[in-house]
Amino acid sequence: MEKALEYKEIKMEYYEHSDVIRNKITILQQEIAVLKSRIQEHGTGHIHTAISVIDHRIAELTEEFAEAQKQRNR
């Protein structure tokens, strides 16, 4: 009985972790949209850099999400 409870707790942890990752990705995508709306013809190179960094973080989180999904399906 104890093992079944432990397994259930681990399984729930993956569900929660996946939800957190999905929420982070959504928020970062929204932030990119805001930053893109602030780009001007000159003087906004820092915004382009920020978008690039956030895009990279989204890619990392997407990989992490895929891994969490694999763990969840075990």
C-alpha atoms as a PDB file:
ATOM      1  CA  MET A   1       0.000   0.000   0.000  1.00  0.00           C
ATOM      2  CA  GLU A   2       2.827   2.391   0.847  1.00  0.00           C
ATOM      3  CA  LYS A   3       4.433   1.962  -2.590  1.00  0.00           C
ATOM      4  CA  ALA A   4       1.144   2.736  -4.346  1.00  0.00           C
ATOM      5  CA  LEU A   5       0.808   5.958  -2.378  1.00  0.00           C
ATOM      6  CA  GLU A   6       4.410   6.898  -3.142  1.00  0.00           C
ATOM      7  CA  TYR A   7       3.853   6.244  -6.862  1.00  0.00           C
ATOM      8  CA  LYS A   8       0.681   8.347  -6.829  1.00  0.00           C
ATOM      9  CA  GLU A   9       2.536  11.245  -5.174  1.00  0.00           C
ATOM     10  CA  ILE A  10       5.331  11.059  -7.740  1.00  0.00           C
ATOM     11  CA  LYS A  11       2.808  10.937 -10.594  1.00  0.00           C
ATOM     12  CA  MET A  12       1.024  14.034  -9.210  1.00  0.00           C
ATOM     13  CA  GLU A  13       4.364  15.832  -8.936  1.00  0.00           C
ATOM     14  CA  TYR A  14       4.898  15.407 -12.689  1.00  0.00           C
ATOM     15  CA  TYR A  15       1.421  16.744 -13.434  1.00  0.00           C
ATOM     16  CA  GLU A  16       2.086  19.823 -11.309  1.00  0.00           C
ATOM     17  CA  HIS A  17       5.533  20.304 -12.818  1.00  0.00           C
ATOM     18  CA  SER A  18       4.111  20.116 -16.350  1.00  0.00           C
ATOM     19  CA  ASP A  19       1.482  22.724 -15.490  1.00  0.00           C
ATOM     20  CA  VAL A  20       4.113  25.085 -14.099  1.00  0.00           C
ATOM     21  CA  ILE A  21       6.272  24.721 -17.204  1.00  0.00           C
ATOM     22  CA  ARG A  22       3.294  25.276 -19.511  1.00  0.00           C
ATOM     23  CA  ASN A  23       2.347  28.433 -17.580  1.00  0.00           C
ATOM     24  CA  LYS A  24       5.905  29.765 -17.772  1.00  0.00           C
ATOM     25  CA  ILE A  25       5.981  29.231 -21.538  1.00  0.00           C
ATOM     26  CA  THR A  26       2.658  31.034 -21.967  1.00  0.00           C
ATOM     27  CA  ILE A  27       3.792  33.997 -19.873  1.00  0.00           C
ATOM     28  CA  LEU A  28       7.087  34.283 -21.732  1.00  0.00           C
ATOM     29  CA  GLN A  29       5.270  34.184 -25.081  1.00  0.00           C
ATOM     30  CA  GLN A  30       3.044  37.012 -23.883  1.00  0.00           C
ATOM     31  CA  GLU A  31       6.090  39.005 -22.829  1.00  0.00           C
ATOM     32  CA  ILE A  32       7.634  38.550 -26.273  1.00  0.00           C
ATOM     33  CA  ALA A  33       4.452  39.951 -27.824  1.00  0.00           C
ATOM     34  CA  VAL A  34       4.706  43.017 -25.587  1.00  0.00           C
ATOM     35  CA  LEU A  35       8.373  43.514 -26.436  1.00  0.00           C
ATOM     36  CA  LYS A  36       7.723  43.160 -30.172  1.00  0.00           C
ATOM     37  CA  SER A  37       5.123  45.900 -29.929  1.00  0.00           C
ATOM     38  CA  ARG A  38       7.826  48.226 -28.531  1.00  0.00           C
ATOM     39  CA  ILE A  39      10.340  47.747 -31.338  1.00  0.00           C
ATOM     40  CA  GLN A  40      11.147  50.913 -33.252  1.00  0.00           C
ATOM     41  CA  GLU A  41      13.337  51.608 -36.250  1.00  0.00           C
ATOM     42  CA  HIS A  42      16.282  52.792 -34.135  1.00  0.00           C
ATOM     43  CA  GLY A  43      17.513  52.404 -30.588  1.00  0.00           C
ATOM     44  CA  THR A  44      15.780  49.194 -29.619  1.00  0.00           C
ATOM     45  CA  GLY A  45      18.571  46.661 -30.054  1.00  0.00           C
ATOM     46  CA  HIS A  46      18.236  45.784 -26.379  1.00  0.00           C
ATOM     47  CA  ILE A  47      14.659  44.705 -27.040  1.00  0.00           C
ATOM     48  CA  HIS A  48      15.792  42.416 -29.858  1.00  0.00           C
ATOM     49  CA  THR A  49      18.346  40.927 -27.468  1.00  0.00           C
ATOM     50  CA  ALA A  50      15.708  40.403 -24.786  1.00  0.00           C
ATOM     51  CA  ILE A  51      13.430  38.656 -27.287  1.00  0.00           C
ATOM     52  CA  SER A  52      16.273  36.375 -28.337  1.00  0.00           C
ATOM     53  CA  VAL A  53      17.073  35.451 -24.731  1.00  0.00           C
ATOM     54  CA  ILE A  54      13.419  34.758 -23.948  1.00  0.00           C
ATOM     55  CA  ASP A  55      13.068  32.653 -27.122  1.00  0.00           C
ATOM     56  CA  HIS A  56      16.027  30.576 -25.957  1.00  0.00           C
ATOM     57  CA  ARG A  57      14.430  30.118 -22.531  1.00  0.00           C
ATOM     58  CA  ILE A  58      11.167  29.002 -24.166  1.00  0.00           C
ATOM     59  CA  ALA A  59      13.123  26.379 -26.119  1.00  0.00           C
ATOM     60  CA  GLU A  60      14.687  25.124 -22.864  1.00  0.00           C
ATOM     61  CA  LEU A  61      11.312  24.958 -21.165  1.00  0.00           C
ATOM     62  CA  THR A  62       9.799  23.160 -24.151  1.00  0.00           C
ATOM     63  CA  GLU A  63      12.454  20.454 -23.821  1.00  0.00           C
ATOM     64  CA  GLU A  64      11.841  20.291 -20.077  1.00  0.00           C
ATOM     65  CA  PHE A  65       8.099  19.983 -20.708  1.00  0.00           C
ATOM     66  CA  ALA A  66       8.662  17.109 -23.149  1.00  0.00           C
ATOM     67  CA  GLU A  67      10.795  15.335 -20.554  1.00  0.00           C
ATOM     68  CA  ALA A  68       8.156  15.863 -17.863  1.00  0.00           C
ATOM     69  CA  GLN A  69       5.544  14.412 -20.226  1.00  0.00           C
ATOM     70  CA  LYS A  70       7.719  11.316 -20.754  1.00  0.00           C
ATOM     71  CA  GLN A  71       8.080  10.894 -16.996  1.00  0.00           C
ATOM     72  CA  ARG A  72       4.363  11.375 -16.524  1.00  0.00           C
ATOM     73  CA  ASN A  73       3.527   8.641 -19.017  1.00  0.00           C
ATOM     74  CA  ARG A  74       5.726   6.053 -17.313  1.00  0.00           C
END
